[in-house]
Amino acid sequence: MSIRLIALDMDGTLLDSNEDISEENRRWIAEATRAGIHVCLATGRGIQNALPYYQSLGLTTPMVLVNGSEIRQDADRVWRRITLQTDEVRRMREIALESGSWYWAYSASSGVFNRDNWEKAPSQEQWLKFGFFEENDEVREHIRGKLAELGEFEVTNSHPCNLEINPHGVSKAAALREVCARLGLEMGAVAAVGDSLNDVEMIKSAGFGVAMGNAQPAVKSAARWVTATNDEDGVALMIRKILEERL
């Protein structure tokens, strides 16, 4: 089956180490679009942090945001949003304070709040994802244990030192399946690329699952093919392969 949709993780994948999109990546994304392929951002970022890149690429396609907690038809229209319970977020913050770890959370309407500006978060906010950053492996595993006691969640990462918590059943893979259903596509027609654990399930589910050269080992193990790193235009190389080999 030929590829009809390309799902792109952002950090560590589409974006280089300076959080820029290279000209080579831009060129081949434009080539994919001209070939009639949907190019879909599938990111752990929320709309506020993903939108400038989406607009700079001239995309009008659906977006998978916050690891799948939000799916948008385009920049303005939300298809689906799944949130954490307020009490769950409150308890996760308490765990972060107890462990002394950096923490942040994505809200549906106001963007990101973290340890430095948490007091500014609206009291009735809808929370899409909570995250911890902890370099100490033992402390990070202690946090993971506390989360297991708190409830059933999807726990992944976008960096080896962090933990990202979404509602149970939420993933980039699940969100992509919904996008495909709405577009009349099968997952076999999807190429998905990423570098972290929050990308593993979509890479496994896609017809052509790709890991970045800088990906975590578990991501490479899950992929059908490994491209170049995010600083070596790995996305462009993948798209070129798809177009030239008619995958």
Foldseek 3Di string as FASTA:
>chain_A
DFAQEEEFEQVFTQADPVSDGDPLLLVLVVVCVVVNHAYEYAYLFDLVVCVVVCVVSVHAAWYQYNQNQWIARGSPGTPHHHFDDPVLVVVLVVLCVVLVWKKWWQWNPDGIDTPVRVVVDDPPTTTFKMKTFAPDPVSQVVSVVVNVVVDDWDWWDQDPRMIMTGHPPGGSLVNVCVSCVVVVHAQLNYEYEGAIGSRLVSLLSHVFREYEPNHDPSSRVSGPYYAYTSVVSRSSVVSVCSVVVSD
